[in-house]
Amino acid sequence: NRSLHFMHSMKKGDVISRDDIGVLRTEKIL
């Protein structure tokens, strides 16, 4: 089922935008 995931690598101090987050299935190794 769905959970929130970071779509790309980000650095400490970065501000999270909506485009940075995916509503995804985790599935195999994440």
All heavy atoms as atom14 arrays in JSON, in Angstrom:
{
  "sequence": "NRSLHFMHSMKKGDVISRDDIGVLRTEKIL",
  "atom14_mask": [
    [1, 1, 1, 1, 1, 1, 1, 1, 0, 0, 0, 0, 0, 0],
    [1, 1, 1, 1, 1, 1, 1, 1, 1, 1, 1, 0, 0, 0],
    [1, 1, 1, 1, 1, 1, 0, 0, 0, 0, 0, 0, 0, 0],
    [1, 1, 1, 1, 1, 1, 1, 1, 0, 0, 0, 0, 0, 0],
    [1, 1, 1, 1, 1, 1, 1, 1, 1, 1, 0, 0, 0, 0],
    [1, 1, 1, 1, 1, 1, 1, 1, 1, 1, 1, 0, 0, 0],
    [1, 1, 1, 1, 1, 1, 1, 1, 0, 0, 0, 0, 0, 0],
    [1, 1, 1, 1, 1, 1, 1, 1, 1, 1, 0, 0, 0, 0],
    [1, 1, 1, 1, 1, 1, 0, 0, 0, 0, 0, 0, 0, 0],
    [1, 1, 1, 1, 1, 1, 1, 1, 0, 0, 0, 0, 0, 0],
    [1, 1, 1, 1, 1, 1, 1, 1, 1, 0, 0, 0, 0, 0],
    [1, 1, 1, 1, 1, 1, 1, 1, 1, 0, 0, 0, 0, 0],
    [1, 1, 1, 1, 0, 0, 0, 0, 0, 0, 0, 0, 0, 0],
    [1, 1, 1, 1, 1, 1, 1, 1, 0, 0, 0, 0, 0, 0],
    [1, 1, 1, 1, 1, 1, 1, 0, 0, 0, 0, 0, 0, 0],
    [1, 1, 1, 1, 1, 1, 1, 1, 0, 0, 0, 0, 0, 0],
    [1, 1, 1, 1, 1, 1, 0, 0, 0, 0, 0, 0, 0, 0],
    [1, 1, 1, 1, 1, 1, 1, 1, 1, 1, 1, 0, 0, 0],
    [1, 1, 1, 1, 1, 1, 1, 1, 0, 0, 0, 0, 0, 0],
    [1, 1, 1, 1, 1, 1, 1, 1, 0, 0, 0, 0, 0, 0],
    [1, 1, 1, 1, 1, 1, 1, 1, 0, 0, 0, 0, 0, 0],
    [1, 1, 1, 1, 0, 0, 0, 0, 0, 0, 0, 0, 0, 0],
    [1, 1, 1, 1, 1, 1, 1, 0, 0, 0, 0, 0, 0, 0],
    [1, 1, 1, 1, 1, 1, 1, 1, 0, 0, 0, 0, 0, 0],
    [1, 1, 1, 1, 1, 1, 1, 1, 1, 1, 1, 0, 0, 0],
    [1, 1, 1, 1, 1, 1, 1, 0, 0, 0, 0, 0, 0, 0],
    [1, 1, 1, 1, 1, 1, 1, 1, 1, 0, 0, 0, 0, 0],
    [1, 1, 1, 1, 1, 1, 1, 1, 1, 0, 0, 0, 0, 0],
    [1, 1, 1, 1, 1, 1, 1, 1, 0, 0, 0, 0, 0, 0],
    [1, 1, 1, 1, 1, 1, 1, 1, 0, 0, 0, 0, 0, 0]
  ],
  "atom14_positions": [
    [[0.84, -1.2, 0.0], [0.0, 0.0, 0.0], [0.88, 1.25, 0.0], [2.1, 1.18, 0.01], [-1.0, -0.02, 1.16], [-0.39, -0.48, 2.47], [0.81, -0.66, 2.59], [-1.22, -0.67, 3.47], [0.0, 0.0, 0.0], [0.0, 0.0, 0.0], [0.0, 0.0, 0.0], [0.0, 0.0, 0.0], [0.0, 0.0, 0.0], [0.0, 0.0, 0.0]],
    [[0.25, 2.43, -0.02], [0.98, 3.66, -0.31], [1.64, 4.3, 0.92], [1.1, 4.25, 2.03], [0.04, 4.69, -0.95], [-0.56, 4.25, -2.28], [0.5, 3.93, -3.32], [-0.07, 3.54, -4.6], [0.03, 4.26, -5.72], [0.66, 5.4, -5.73], [-0.5, 3.8, -6.83], [0.0, 0.0, 0.0], [0.0, 0.0, 0.0], [0.0, 0.0, 0.0]],
    [[2.78, 4.91, 0.67], [3.43, 5.76, 1.67], [4.18, 6.87, 0.94], [4.26, 6.88, -0.3], [4.36, 4.95, 2.58], [5.44, 4.38, 1.86], [0.0, 0.0, 0.0], [0.0, 0.0, 0.0], [0.0, 0.0, 0.0], [0.0, 0.0, 0.0], [0.0, 0.0, 0.0], [0.0, 0.0, 0.0], [0.0, 0.0, 0.0], [0.0, 0.0, 0.0]],
    [[4.74, 7.81, 1.69], [5.43, 8.95, 1.09], [6.91, 8.63, 0.87], [7.57, 8.07, 1.74], [5.29, 10.18, 1.99], [3.86, 10.65, 2.28], [3.88, 11.91, 3.13], [3.09, 10.89, 0.99], [0.0, 0.0, 0.0], [0.0, 0.0, 0.0], [0.0, 0.0, 0.0], [0.0, 0.0, 0.0], [0.0, 0.0, 0.0], [0.0, 0.0, 0.0]],
    [[7.41, 9.0, -0.31], [8.81, 8.74, -0.66], [9.45, 9.98, -1.27], [8.79, 10.77, -1.96], [8.88, 7.59, -1.67], [8.54, 6.25, -1.09], [9.5, 5.34, -0.73], [7.35, 5.7, -0.78], [8.91, 4.27, -0.23], [7.6, 4.46, -0.25], [0.0, 0.0, 0.0], [0.0, 0.0, 0.0], [0.0, 0.0, 0.0], [0.0, 0.0, 0.0]],
    [[10.73, 10.13, -1.02], [11.5, 11.2, -1.67], [11.77, 10.78, -3.12], [12.27, 9.69, -3.37], [12.82, 11.43, -0.93], [12.66, 12.02, 0.44], [12.86, 11.24, 1.57], [12.3, 13.34, 0.59], [12.71, 11.76, 2.83], [12.14, 13.89, 1.87], [12.34, 13.1, 2.99], [0.0, 0.0, 0.0], [0.0, 0.0, 0.0], [0.0, 0.0, 0.0]],
    [[11.44, 11.64, -4.06], [11.58, 11.31, -5.47], [13.03, 11.41, -5.95], [13.4, 10.79, -6.94], [10.69, 12.21, -6.33], [9.19, 12.0, -6.06], [8.7, 10.26, -6.25], [9.05, 9.97, -7.97], [0.0, 0.0, 0.0], [0.0, 0.0, 0.0], [0.0, 0.0, 0.0], [0.0, 0.0, 0.0], [0.0, 0.0, 0.0], [0.0, 0.0, 0.0]],
    [[13.87, 12.19, -5.23], [15.27, 12.32, -5.6], [16.08, 12.62, -4.34], [15.51, 12.96, -3.29], [15.46, 13.42, -6.65], [14.69, 14.66, -6.35], [13.5, 14.97, -6.96], [14.93, 15.68, -5.5], [13.02, 16.11, -6.49], [13.86, 16.56, -5.6], [0.0, 0.0, 0.0], [0.0, 0.0, 0.0], [0.0, 0.0, 0.0], [0.0, 0.0, 0.0]],
    [[17.37, 12.49, -4.43], [18.24, 12.77, -3.29], [18.22, 14.27, -2.98], [18.17, 15.11, -3.89], [19.67, 12.32, -3.58], [19.72, 10.92, -3.76], [0.0, 0.0, 0.0], [0.0, 0.0, 0.0], [0.0, 0.0, 0.0], [0.0, 0.0, 0.0], [0.0, 0.0, 0.0], [0.0, 0.0, 0.0], [0.0, 0.0, 0.0], [0.0, 0.0, 0.0]],
    [[18.26, 14.59, -1.69], [18.22, 15.98, -1.25], [19.2, 16.17, -0.08], [19.6, 15.2, 0.57], [16.8, 16.38, -0.82], [15.77, 16.26, -1.94], [14.07, 16.62, -1.39], [14.19, 18.38, -1.07], [0.0, 0.0, 0.0], [0.0, 0.0, 0.0], [0.0, 0.0, 0.0], [0.0, 0.0, 0.0], [0.0, 0.0, 0.0], [0.0, 0.0, 0.0]],
    [[19.56, 17.41, 0.19], [20.54, 17.73, 1.22], [19.89, 18.31, 2.48], [18.81, 18.91, 2.41], [21.56, 18.74, 0.68], [22.42, 18.23, -0.48], [23.36, 17.13, -0.01], [24.31, 16.71, -1.11], [25.22, 15.62, -0.66], [0.0, 0.0, 0.0], [0.0, 0.0, 0.0], [0.0, 0.0, 0.0], [0.0, 0.0, 0.0], [0.0, 0.0, 0.0]],
    [[20.57, 18.12, 3.6], [20.14, 18.73, 4.86], [19.95, 20.23, 4.66], [20.79, 20.9, 4.04], [21.2, 18.47, 5.93], [20.88, 19.11, 7.28], [21.99, 18.8, 8.3], [21.71, 19.49, 9.62], [22.77, 19.18, 10.63], [0.0, 0.0, 0.0], [0.0, 0.0, 0.0], [0.0, 0.0, 0.0], [0.0, 0.0, 0.0], [0.0, 0.0, 0.0]],
    [[18.82, 20.75, 5.14], [18.53, 22.18, 5.0], [17.66, 22.51, 3.8], [17.1, 23.62, 3.72], [0.0, 0.0, 0.0], [0.0, 0.0, 0.0], [0.0, 0.0, 0.0], [0.0, 0.0, 0.0], [0.0, 0.0, 0.0], [0.0, 0.0, 0.0], [0.0, 0.0, 0.0], [0.0, 0.0, 0.0], [0.0, 0.0, 0.0], [0.0, 0.0, 0.0]],
    [[17.51, 21.57, 2.85], [16.63, 21.8, 1.7], [15.17, 21.88, 2.16], [14.75, 21.18, 3.09], [16.76, 20.67, 0.68], [18.05, 20.72, -0.11], [18.77, 21.74, 0.0], [18.35, 19.74, -0.83], [0.0, 0.0, 0.0], [0.0, 0.0, 0.0], [0.0, 0.0, 0.0], [0.0, 0.0, 0.0], [0.0, 0.0, 0.0], [0.0, 0.0, 0.0]],
    [[14.41, 22.74, 1.48], [12.97, 22.85, 1.75], [12.23, 21.9, 0.83], [12.48, 21.86, -0.39], [12.48, 24.3, 1.54], [10.97, 24.39, 1.79], [13.22, 25.25, 2.47], [0.0, 0.0, 0.0], [0.0, 0.0, 0.0], [0.0, 0.0, 0.0], [0.0, 0.0, 0.0], [0.0, 0.0, 0.0], [0.0, 0.0, 0.0], [0.0, 0.0, 0.0]],
    [[11.32, 21.13, 1.39], [10.61, 20.1, 0.63], [9.41, 20.73, -0.09], [8.56, 21.38, 0.52], [10.11, 18.99, 1.56], [11.3, 18.33, 2.27], [9.31, 17.94, 0.79], [10.89, 17.39, 3.39], [0.0, 0.0, 0.0], [0.0, 0.0, 0.0], [0.0, 0.0, 0.0], [0.0, 0.0, 0.0], [0.0, 0.0, 0.0], [0.0, 0.0, 0.0]],
    [[9.34, 20.53, -1.4], [8.18, 20.96, -2.18], [7.31, 19.75, -2.5], [7.72, 18.6, -2.3], [8.62, 21.65, -3.48], [9.13, 20.69, -4.39], [0.0, 0.0, 0.0], [0.0, 0.0, 0.0], [0.0, 0.0, 0.0], [0.0, 0.0, 0.0], [0.0, 0.0, 0.0], [0.0, 0.0, 0.0], [0.0, 0.0, 0.0], [0.0, 0.0, 0.0]],
    [[6.11, 20.0, -3.01], [5.21, 18.91, -3.37], [5.84, 18.0, -4.42], [5.67, 16.77, -4.38], [3.87, 19.48, -3.88], [2.91, 18.43, -4.43], [2.47, 17.44, -3.35], [1.61, 16.38, -3.89], [2.07, 15.23, -4.4], [3.38, 15.0, -4.46], [1.23, 14.32, -4.84], [0.0, 0.0, 0.0], [0.0, 0.0, 0.0], [0.0, 0.0, 0.0]],
    [[6.6, 18.58, -5.35], [7.21, 17.79, -6.42], [8.33, 16.88, -5.92], [8.76, 15.97, -6.63], [7.76, 18.71, -7.51], [6.65, 19.42, -8.27], [5.51, 18.93, -8.25], [6.94, 20.47, -8.89], [0.0, 0.0, 0.0], [0.0, 0.0, 0.0], [0.0, 0.0, 0.0], [0.0, 0.0, 0.0], [0.0, 0.0, 0.0], [0.0, 0.0, 0.0]],
    [[8.8, 17.12, -4.71], [9.87, 16.29, -4.14], [9.34, 14.99, -3.56], [10.13, 14.09, -3.26], [10.61, 17.05, -3.03], [11.32, 18.28, -3.54], [11.85, 18.24, -4.67], [11.36, 19.29, -2.8], [0.0, 0.0, 0.0], [0.0, 0.0, 0.0], [0.0, 0.0, 0.0], [0.0, 0.0, 0.0], [0.0, 0.0, 0.0], [0.0, 0.0, 0.0]],
    [[8.02, 14.89, -3.4], [7.41, 13.76, -2.68], [6.5, 12.96, -3.61], [5.7, 13.52, -4.36], [6.59, 14.26, -1.47], [7.45, 15.11, -0.55], [6.0, 13.06, -0.7], [8.63, 14.36, 0.07], [0.0, 0.0, 0.0], [0.0, 0.0, 0.0], [0.0, 0.0, 0.0], [0.0, 0.0, 0.0], [0.0, 0.0, 0.0], [0.0, 0.0, 0.0]],
    [[6.63, 11.64, -3.56], [5.74, 10.76, -4.29], [4.88, 9.94, -3.34], [5.33, 9.57, -2.25], [0.0, 0.0, 0.0], [0.0, 0.0, 0.0], [0.0, 0.0, 0.0], [0.0, 0.0, 0.0], [0.0, 0.0, 0.0], [0.0, 0.0, 0.0], [0.0, 0.0, 0.0], [0.0, 0.0, 0.0], [0.0, 0.0, 0.0], [0.0, 0.0, 0.0]],
    [[3.62, 9.69, -3.75], [2.72, 8.81, -2.99], [2.79, 7.46, -3.68], [2.09, 7.19, -4.66], [1.28, 9.37, -3.0], [0.36, 8.48, -2.16], [1.26, 10.8, -2.47], [0.0, 0.0, 0.0], [0.0, 0.0, 0.0], [0.0, 0.0, 0.0], [0.0, 0.0, 0.0], [0.0, 0.0, 0.0], [0.0, 0.0, 0.0], [0.0, 0.0, 0.0]],
    [[3.66, 6.58, -3.19], [4.06, 5.4, -3.94], [3.93, 4.11, -3.14], [3.84, 4.13, -1.91], [5.52, 5.54, -4.39], [5.88, 6.78, -5.22], [7.39, 6.84, -5.43], [5.15, 6.78, -6.55], [0.0, 0.0, 0.0], [0.0, 0.0, 0.0], [0.0, 0.0, 0.0], [0.0, 0.0, 0.0], [0.0, 0.0, 0.0], [0.0, 0.0, 0.0]],
    [[3.91, 3.0, -3.87], [4.1, 1.7, -3.24], [5.59, 1.53, -2.97], [6.42, 1.86, -3.82], [3.62, 0.58, -4.16], [2.16, 0.68, -4.57], [1.81, -0.5, -5.47], [0.48, -0.37, -6.05], [-0.07, -1.25, -6.89], [0.64, -2.31, -7.26], [-1.29, -1.07, -7.37], [0.0, 0.0, 0.0], [0.0, 0.0, 0.0], [0.0, 0.0, 0.0]],
    [[5.94, 0.98, -1.83], [7.35, 0.75, -1.5], [7.89, -0.46, -2.25], [8.98, -0.44, -2.81], [7.52, 0.55, 0.01], [7.01, 1.7, 0.69], [8.98, 0.36, 0.38], [0.0, 0.0, 0.0], [0.0, 0.0, 0.0], [0.0, 0.0, 0.0], [0.0, 0.0, 0.0], [0.0, 0.0, 0.0], [0.0, 0.0, 0.0], [0.0, 0.0, 0.0]],
    [[7.12, -1.57, -2.21], [7.45, -2.81, -2.9], [8.77, -3.44, -2.46], [8.92, -3.74, -1.3], [7.4, -2.61, -4.42], [5.98, -2.4, -4.96], [5.09, -3.64, -4.92], [5.57, -4.73, -4.58], [3.89, -3.5, -5.24], [0.0, 0.0, 0.0], [0.0, 0.0, 0.0], [0.0, 0.0, 0.0], [0.0, 0.0, 0.0], [0.0, 0.0, 0.0]],
    [[9.76, -3.56, -3.34], [10.82, -4.54, -3.17], [11.89, -4.19, -2.13], [12.01, -4.83, -1.1], [11.48, -4.83, -4.52], [10.5, -5.33, -5.58], [9.86, -6.64, -5.2], [8.91, -7.14, -6.28], [8.24, -8.38, -5.91], [0.0, 0.0, 0.0], [0.0, 0.0, 0.0], [0.0, 0.0, 0.0], [0.0, 0.0, 0.0], [0.0, 0.0, 0.0]],
    [[12.71, -3.17, -2.39], [13.92, -2.98, -1.57], [13.97, -1.64, -0.84], [14.85, -1.44, 0.0], [15.19, -3.12, -2.44], [15.22, -2.06, -3.54], [15.28, -4.53, -3.01], [16.53, -2.03, -4.32], [0.0, 0.0, 0.0], [0.0, 0.0, 0.0], [0.0, 0.0, 0.0], [0.0, 0.0, 0.0], [0.0, 0.0, 0.0], [0.0, 0.0, 0.0]],
    [[13.06, -0.72, -1.12], [13.1, 0.58, -0.48], [12.48, 0.52, 0.92], [11.84, -0.46, 1.29], [12.36, 1.61, -1.34], [12.93, 1.83, -2.74], [12.07, 2.8, -3.53], [14.37, 2.34, -2.66], [0.0, 0.0, 0.0], [0.0, 0.0, 0.0], [0.0, 0.0, 0.0], [0.0, 0.0, 0.0], [0.0, 0.0, 0.0], [0.0, 0.0, 0.0]]
  ]
}
